[in-house]
Amino acid sequence: MKQKTHSGAKKRFRVKGGGKIKRGQSRMRHLLSNKSSKRKRHLGASAYVDQANEYQITRCLLP
Protein backbone atom coordinates (compact mmCIF):
# COMPACT_ATOMS: atom_id res chain seq x y z
CA MET A 1 0.00 0.00 0.00
CA LYS A 2 1.23 3.47 -0.85
CA GLN A 3 2.39 5.63 2.08
CA LYS A 4 0.83 9.06 2.41
CA THR A 5 1.69 12.29 4.18
CA HIS A 6 -0.59 13.10 7.12
CA SER A 7 -2.98 15.63 5.57
CA GLY A 8 -3.55 17.51 8.84
CA ALA A 9 0.18 17.86 9.45
CA LYS A 10 0.96 19.16 5.97
CA LYS A 11 -1.50 22.03 6.51
CA ARG A 12 -0.04 22.98 9.91
CA PHE A 13 3.73 22.65 9.51
CA ARG A 14 6.47 23.82 7.12
CA VAL A 15 10.01 22.44 7.05
CA LYS A 16 12.58 25.22 6.70
CA GLY A 17 15.93 25.03 4.93
CA GLY A 18 17.91 24.30 8.08
CA GLY A 19 15.61 21.42 9.01
CA LYS A 20 13.59 23.26 11.65
CA ILE A 21 9.82 22.87 11.55
CA LYS A 22 7.76 26.06 11.58
CA ARG A 23 4.28 26.15 13.10
CA GLY A 24 1.51 28.63 13.79
CA GLN A 25 0.33 29.42 17.29
CA SER A 26 -3.12 28.69 18.69
CA ARG A 27 -5.58 30.88 20.64
CA MET A 28 -6.20 33.44 17.90
CA ARG A 29 -9.57 32.27 16.55
CA HIS A 30 -12.10 33.72 19.00
CA LEU A 31 -12.51 35.41 22.40
CA LEU A 32 -9.94 38.00 21.31
CA SER A 33 -11.52 40.90 23.19
CA ASN A 34 -10.25 39.43 26.47
CA LYS A 35 -6.65 39.32 25.26
CA SER A 36 -4.26 42.26 25.34
CA SER A 37 -2.82 43.75 22.15
CA LYS A 38 0.64 42.59 23.15
CA ARG A 39 -0.55 39.02 23.64
CA LYS A 40 -2.38 39.00 20.30
CA ARG A 41 0.65 40.44 18.54
CA HIS A 42 2.93 37.73 19.91
CA LEU A 43 0.42 34.97 19.18
CA GLY A 44 0.19 36.12 15.56
CA ALA A 45 3.86 35.36 14.99
CA SER A 46 4.94 31.89 13.97
CA ALA A 47 7.02 29.63 16.18
CA TYR A 48 9.19 26.54 15.83
CA VAL A 49 8.46 23.02 16.99
CA ASP A 50 10.37 21.89 20.09
CA GLN A 51 13.19 19.45 19.52
CA ALA A 52 11.37 16.89 21.69
CA ASN A 53 8.43 16.81 19.24
CA GLU A 54 10.33 17.12 15.95
CA TYR A 55 10.65 13.37 15.40
CA GLN A 56 6.90 12.69 15.64
CA ILE A 57 6.03 15.55 13.29
CA THR A 58 8.73 14.55 10.82
CA ARG A 59 7.19 11.07 10.74
CA CYS A 60 3.82 12.61 9.83
CA LEU A 61 5.29 14.81 7.10
CA LEU A 62 7.42 12.16 5.38
CA PRO A 63 5.43 9.47 3.57
PDB file of N, CA and C in Angstrom:
ATOM      1  N   MET A   1       0.834  -1.184   0.000  1.00  0.00           N
ATOM      2  CA  MET A   1       0.000   0.000   0.000  1.00  0.00           C
ATOM      3  C   MET A   1       0.879   1.247   0.000  1.00  0.00           C
ATOM      4  N   LYS A   2       0.441   2.256  -0.711  1.00  0.00           N
ATOM      5  CA  LYS A   2       1.231   3.472  -0.846  1.00  0.00           C
ATOM      6  C   LYS A   2       1.180   4.293   0.441  1.00  0.00           C
ATOM      7  N   GLN A   3       2.347   4.791   0.880  1.00  0.00           N
ATOM      8  CA  GLN A   3       2.388   5.629   2.080  1.00  0.00           C
ATOM      9  C   GLN A   3       1.965   7.046   1.731  1.00  0.00           C
ATOM     10  N   LYS A   4       1.316   7.707   2.664  1.00  0.00           N
ATOM     11  CA  LYS A   4       0.834   9.061   2.414  1.00  0.00           C
ATOM     12  C   LYS A   4       1.229   9.989   3.546  1.00  0.00           C
ATOM     13  N   THR A   5       1.424  11.256   3.188  1.00  0.00           N
ATOM     14  CA  THR A   5       1.695  12.289   4.177  1.00  0.00           C
ATOM     15  C   THR A   5       0.419  12.544   4.973  1.00  0.00           C
ATOM     16  N   HIS A   6       0.552  12.782   6.264  1.00  0.00           N
ATOM     17  CA  HIS A   6      -0.591  13.097   7.123  1.00  0.00           C
ATOM     18  C   HIS A   6      -1.172  14.432   6.659  1.00  0.00           C
ATOM     19  N   SER A   7      -2.422  14.434   6.195  1.00  0.00           N
ATOM     20  CA  SER A   7      -2.981  15.631   5.567  1.00  0.00           C
ATOM     21  C   SER A   7      -3.182  16.771   6.558  1.00  0.00           C
ATOM     22  N   GLY A   8      -3.429  16.453   7.834  1.00  0.00           N
ATOM     23  CA  GLY A   8      -3.554  17.508   8.837  1.00  0.00           C
ATOM     24  C   GLY A   8      -2.221  18.154   9.142  1.00  0.00           C
ATOM     25  N   ALA A   9      -1.163  17.348   9.144  1.00  0.00           N
ATOM     26  CA  ALA A   9       0.176  17.863   9.449  1.00  0.00           C
ATOM     27  C   ALA A   9       0.704  18.733   8.320  1.00  0.00           C
ATOM     28  N   LYS A  10       0.419  18.372   7.078  1.00  0.00           N
ATOM     29  CA  LYS A  10       0.962  19.158   5.972  1.00  0.00           C
ATOM     30  C   LYS A  10       0.326  20.548   5.890  1.00  0.00           C
ATOM     31  N   LYS A  11      -0.861  20.710   6.474  1.00  0.00           N
ATOM     32  CA  LYS A  11      -1.496  22.025   6.512  1.00  0.00           C
ATOM     33  C   LYS A  11      -0.972  22.885   7.659  1.00  0.00           C
ATOM     34  N   ARG A  12      -0.428  22.256   8.697  1.00  0.00           N
ATOM     35  CA  ARG A  12      -0.038  22.977   9.910  1.00  0.00           C
ATOM     36  C   ARG A  12       1.446  23.277  10.025  1.00  0.00           C
ATOM     37  N   PHE A  13       2.290  22.531   9.320  1.00  0.00           N
ATOM     38  CA  PHE A  13       3.735  22.652   9.505  1.00  0.00           C
ATOM     39  C   PHE A  13       4.447  22.887   8.190  1.00  0.00           C
ATOM     40  N   ARG A  14       5.587  23.613   8.267  1.00  0.00           N
ATOM     41  CA  ARG A  14       6.469  23.822   7.120  1.00  0.00           C
ATOM     42  C   ARG A  14       7.888  23.513   7.556  1.00  0.00           C
ATOM     43  N   VAL A  15       8.610  22.749   6.741  1.00  0.00           N
ATOM     44  CA  VAL A  15      10.008  22.444   7.049  1.00  0.00           C
ATOM     45  C   VAL A  15      10.874  23.507   6.392  1.00  0.00           C
ATOM     46  N   LYS A  16      11.710  24.158   7.194  1.00  0.00           N
ATOM     47  CA  LYS A  16      12.576  25.222   6.698  1.00  0.00           C
ATOM     48  C   LYS A  16      13.881  24.633   6.167  1.00  0.00           C
ATOM     49  N   GLY A  17      14.703  25.482   5.560  1.00  0.00           N
ATOM     50  CA  GLY A  17      15.934  25.029   4.930  1.00  0.00           C
ATOM     51  C   GLY A  17      16.903  24.366   5.878  1.00  0.00           C
ATOM     52  N   GLY A  18      16.984  24.867   7.105  1.00  0.00           N
ATOM     53  CA  GLY A  18      17.906  24.300   8.084  1.00  0.00           C
ATOM     54  C   GLY A  18      17.387  23.049   8.765  1.00  0.00           C
ATOM     55  N   GLY A  19      16.171  22.621   8.414  1.00  0.00           N
ATOM     56  CA  GLY A  19      15.607  21.415   9.005  1.00  0.00           C
ATOM     57  C   GLY A  19      14.649  21.680  10.147  1.00  0.00           C
ATOM     58  N   LYS A  20      14.542  22.947  10.591  1.00  0.00           N
ATOM     59  CA  LYS A  20      13.587  23.264  11.651  1.00  0.00           C
ATOM     60  C   LYS A  20      12.172  23.233  11.091  1.00  0.00           C
ATOM     61  N   ILE A  21      11.216  22.954  11.963  1.00  0.00           N
ATOM     62  CA  ILE A  21       9.817  22.871  11.553  1.00  0.00           C
ATOM     63  C   ILE A  21       9.075  24.074  12.117  1.00  0.00           C
ATOM     64  N   LYS A  22       8.468  24.840  11.212  1.00  0.00           N
ATOM     65  CA  LYS A  22       7.762  26.063  11.583  1.00  0.00           C
ATOM     66  C   LYS A  22       6.289  25.737  11.808  1.00  0.00           C
ATOM     67  N   ARG A  23       5.684  26.393  12.790  1.00  0.00           N
ATOM     68  CA  ARG A  23       4.275  26.146  13.097  1.00  0.00           C
ATOM     69  C   ARG A  23       3.596  27.460  13.448  1.00  0.00           C
ATOM     70  N   GLY A  24       2.280  27.497  13.329  1.00  0.00           N
ATOM     71  CA  GLY A  24       1.506  28.632  13.790  1.00  0.00           C
ATOM     72  C   GLY A  24       1.132  28.444  15.250  1.00  0.00           C
ATOM     73  N   GLN A  25       0.722  29.517  15.886  1.00  0.00           N
ATOM     74  CA  GLN A  25       0.327  29.423  17.290  1.00  0.00           C
ATOM     75  C   GLN A  25      -1.198  29.405  17.404  1.00  0.00           C
ATOM     76  N   SER A  26      -1.679  28.804  18.468  1.00  0.00           N
ATOM     77  CA  SER A  26      -3.119  28.690  18.694  1.00  0.00           C
ATOM     78  C   SER A  26      -3.631  29.904  19.482  1.00  0.00           C
ATOM     79  N   ARG A  27      -4.892  29.871  19.818  1.00  0.00           N
ATOM     80  CA  ARG A  27      -5.579  30.884  20.640  1.00  0.00           C
ATOM     81  C   ARG A  27      -5.791  32.222  19.935  1.00  0.00           C
ATOM     82  N   MET A  28      -5.950  32.197  18.616  1.00  0.00           N
ATOM     83  CA  MET A  28      -6.200  33.442  17.895  1.00  0.00           C
ATOM     84  C   MET A  28      -7.476  33.378  17.053  1.00  0.00           C
ATOM     85  N   ARG A  29      -8.363  32.441  17.351  1.00  0.00           N
ATOM     86  CA  ARG A  29      -9.574  32.273  16.547  1.00  0.00           C
ATOM     87  C   ARG A  29     -10.768  33.058  17.094  1.00  0.00           C
ATOM     88  N   HIS A  30     -10.930  33.057  18.409  1.00  0.00           N
ATOM     89  CA  HIS A  30     -12.097  33.717  18.995  1.00  0.00           C
ATOM     90  C   HIS A  30     -11.760  34.153  20.412  1.00  0.00           C
ATOM     91  N   LEU A  31     -12.694  34.850  21.050  1.00  0.00           N
ATOM     92  CA  LEU A  31     -12.515  35.413  22.397  1.00  0.00           C
ATOM     93  C   LEU A  31     -11.309  36.361  22.451  1.00  0.00           C
ATOM     94  N   LEU A  32     -11.119  37.139  21.399  1.00  0.00           N
ATOM     95  CA  LEU A  32      -9.936  37.996  21.313  1.00  0.00           C
ATOM     96  C   LEU A  32     -10.097  39.293  22.099  1.00  0.00           C
ATOM     97  N   SER A  33     -11.333  39.645  22.451  1.00  0.00           N
ATOM     98  CA  SER A  33     -11.524  40.897  23.187  1.00  0.00           C
ATOM     99  C   SER A  33     -10.958  40.817  24.598  1.00  0.00           C
ATOM    100  N   ASN A  34     -10.806  39.598  25.126  1.00  0.00           N
ATOM    101  CA  ASN A  34     -10.255  39.432  26.470  1.00  0.00           C
ATOM    102  C   ASN A  34      -8.733  39.452  26.493  1.00  0.00           C
ATOM    103  N   LYS A  35      -8.110  39.403  25.326  1.00  0.00           N
ATOM    104  CA  LYS A  35      -6.648  39.323  25.257  1.00  0.00           C
ATOM    105  C   LYS A  35      -6.060  40.696  24.967  1.00  0.00           C
ATOM    106  N   SER A  36      -4.909  40.968  25.547  1.00  0.00           N
ATOM    107  CA  SER A  36      -4.260  42.261  25.340  1.00  0.00           C
ATOM    108  C   SER A  36      -3.671  42.336  23.933  1.00  0.00           C
ATOM    109  N   SER A  37      -3.413  43.559  23.475  1.00  0.00           N
ATOM    110  CA  SER A  37      -2.821  43.754  22.154  1.00  0.00           C
ATOM    111  C   SER A  37      -1.458  43.095  22.065  1.00  0.00           C
ATOM    112  N   LYS A  38      -0.690  43.194  23.140  1.00  0.00           N
ATOM    113  CA  LYS A  38       0.643  42.585  23.154  1.00  0.00           C
ATOM    114  C   LYS A  38       0.553  41.072  22.994  1.00  0.00           C
ATOM    115  N   ARG A  39      -0.389  40.475  23.711  1.00  0.00           N
ATOM    116  CA  ARG A  39      -0.548  39.018  23.640  1.00  0.00           C
ATOM    117  C   ARG A  39      -0.976  38.587  22.243  1.00  0.00           C
ATOM    118  N   LYS A  40      -1.920  39.331  21.644  1.00  0.00           N
ATOM    119  CA  LYS A  40      -2.380  38.998  20.299  1.00  0.00           C
ATOM    120  C   LYS A  40      -1.270  39.177  19.274  1.00  0.00           C
ATOM    121  N   ARG A  41      -0.460  40.189  19.451  1.00  0.00           N
ATOM    122  CA  ARG A  41       0.655  40.441  18.538  1.00  0.00           C
ATOM    123  C   ARG A  41       1.658  39.290  18.573  1.00  0.00           C
ATOM    124  N   HIS A  42       1.975  38.825  19.775  1.00  0.00           N
ATOM    125  CA  HIS A  42       2.931  37.731  19.908  1.00  0.00           C
ATOM    126  C   HIS A  42       2.343  36.401  19.422  1.00  0.00           C
ATOM    127  N   LEU A  43       1.046  36.205  19.635  1.00  0.00           N
ATOM    128  CA  LEU A  43       0.419  34.968  19.176  1.00  0.00           C
ATOM    129  C   LEU A  43       0.303  34.915  17.655  1.00  0.00           C
ATOM    130  N   GLY A  44       0.276  36.076  17.013  1.00  0.00           N
ATOM    131  CA  GLY A  44       0.186  36.116  15.555  1.00  0.00           C
ATOM    132  C   GLY A  44       1.461  35.673  14.873  1.00  0.00           C
ATOM    133  N   ALA A  45       2.580  35.757  15.574  1.00  0.00           N
ATOM    134  CA  ALA A  45       3.861  35.359  14.993  1.00  0.00           C
ATOM    135  C   ALA A  45       3.976  33.841  14.974  1.00  0.00           C
ATOM    136  N   SER A  46       4.745  33.341  14.023  1.00  0.00           N
ATOM    137  CA  SER A  46       4.942  31.893  13.966  1.00  0.00           C
ATOM    138  C   SER A  46       6.018  31.467  14.953  1.00  0.00           C
ATOM    139  N   ALA A  47       6.059  30.184  15.226  1.00  0.00           N
ATOM    140  CA  ALA A  47       7.018  29.629  16.183  1.00  0.00           C
ATOM    141  C   ALA A  47       7.612  28.363  15.579  1.00  0.00           C
ATOM    142  N   TYR A  48       8.554  27.775  16.289  1.00  0.00           N
ATOM    143  CA  TYR A  48       9.187  26.544  15.827  1.00  0.00           C
ATOM    144  C   TYR A  48       8.848  25.400  16.774  1.00  0.00           C
ATOM    145  N   VAL A  49       8.782  24.211  16.219  1.00  0.00           N
ATOM    146  CA  VAL A  49       8.464  23.016  16.993  1.00  0.00           C
ATOM    147  C   VAL A  49       9.635  22.698  17.914  1.00  0.00           C
ATOM    148  N   ASP A  50       9.332  22.288  19.148  1.00  0.00           N
ATOM    149  CA  ASP A  50      10.372  21.894  20.092  1.00  0.00           C
ATOM    150  C   ASP A  50      11.104  20.659  19.579  1.00  0.00           C
ATOM    151  N   GLN A  51      12.360  20.568  19.964  1.00  0.00           N
ATOM    152  CA  GLN A  51      13.187  19.449  19.523  1.00  0.00           C
ATOM    153  C   GLN A  51      12.613  18.113  20.002  1.00  0.00           C
ATOM    154  N   ALA A  52      11.952  18.115  21.149  1.00  0.00           N
ATOM    155  CA  ALA A  52      11.372  16.885  21.693  1.00  0.00           C
ATOM    156  C   ALA A  52      10.246  16.351  20.808  1.00  0.00           C
ATOM    157  N   ASN A  53       9.564  17.225  20.064  1.00  0.00           N
ATOM    158  CA  ASN A  53       8.429  16.812  19.239  1.00  0.00           C
ATOM    159  C   ASN A  53       8.764  16.708  17.756  1.00  0.00           C
ATOM    160  N   GLU A  54       9.973  17.095  17.374  1.00  0.00           N
ATOM    161  CA  GLU A  54      10.327  17.120  15.953  1.00  0.00           C
ATOM    162  C   GLU A  54      10.221  15.747  15.300  1.00  0.00           C
ATOM    163  N   TYR A  55      10.635  14.714  16.000  1.00  0.00           N
ATOM    164  CA  TYR A  55      10.647  13.374  15.403  1.00  0.00           C
ATOM    165  C   TYR A  55       9.235  12.932  15.015  1.00  0.00           C
ATOM    166  N   GLN A  56       8.271  13.123  15.911  1.00  0.00           N
ATOM    167  CA  GLN A  56       6.899  12.691  15.637  1.00  0.00           C
ATOM    168  C   GLN A  56       6.314  13.447  14.446  1.00  0.00           C
ATOM    169  N   ILE A  57       6.590  14.751  14.370  1.00  0.00           N
ATOM    170  CA  ILE A  57       6.031  15.554  13.290  1.00  0.00           C
ATOM    171  C   ILE A  57       6.712  15.216  11.969  1.00  0.00           C
ATOM    172  N   THR A  58       8.012  14.963  12.027  1.00  0.00           N
ATOM    173  CA  THR A  58       8.727  14.555  10.816  1.00  0.00           C
ATOM    174  C   THR A  58       8.158  13.246  10.282  1.00  0.00           C
ATOM    175  N   ARG A  59       7.796  12.334  11.170  1.00  0.00           N
ATOM    176  CA  ARG A  59       7.194  11.066  10.743  1.00  0.00           C
ATOM    177  C   ARG A  59       5.861  11.299  10.036  1.00  0.00           C
ATOM    178  N   CYS A  60       5.102  12.299  10.474  1.00  0.00           N
ATOM    179  CA  CYS A  60       3.822  12.607   9.831  1.00  0.00           C
ATOM    180  C   CYS A  60       4.028  13.251   8.463  1.00  0.00           C
ATOM    181  N   LEU A  61       5.079  14.061   8.338  1.00  0.00           N
ATOM    182  CA  LEU A  61       5.292  14.807   7.102  1.00  0.00           C
ATOM    183  C   LEU A  61       5.952  13.975   6.010  1.00  0.00           C
ATOM    184  N   LEU A  62       6.762  12.997   6.385  1.00  0.00           N
ATOM    185  CA  LEU A  62       7.417  12.158   5.379  1.00  0.00           C
ATOM    186  C   LEU A  62       6.569  10.919   5.118  1.00  0.00           C
ATOM    187  N   PRO A  63       6.243  10.651   3.861  1.00  0.00           N
ATOM    188  CA  PRO A  63       5.430   9.467   3.568  1.00  0.00           C
ATOM    189  C   PRO A  63       6.213   8.177   3.748  1.00  0.00           C
TER     190      PRO A  63
END
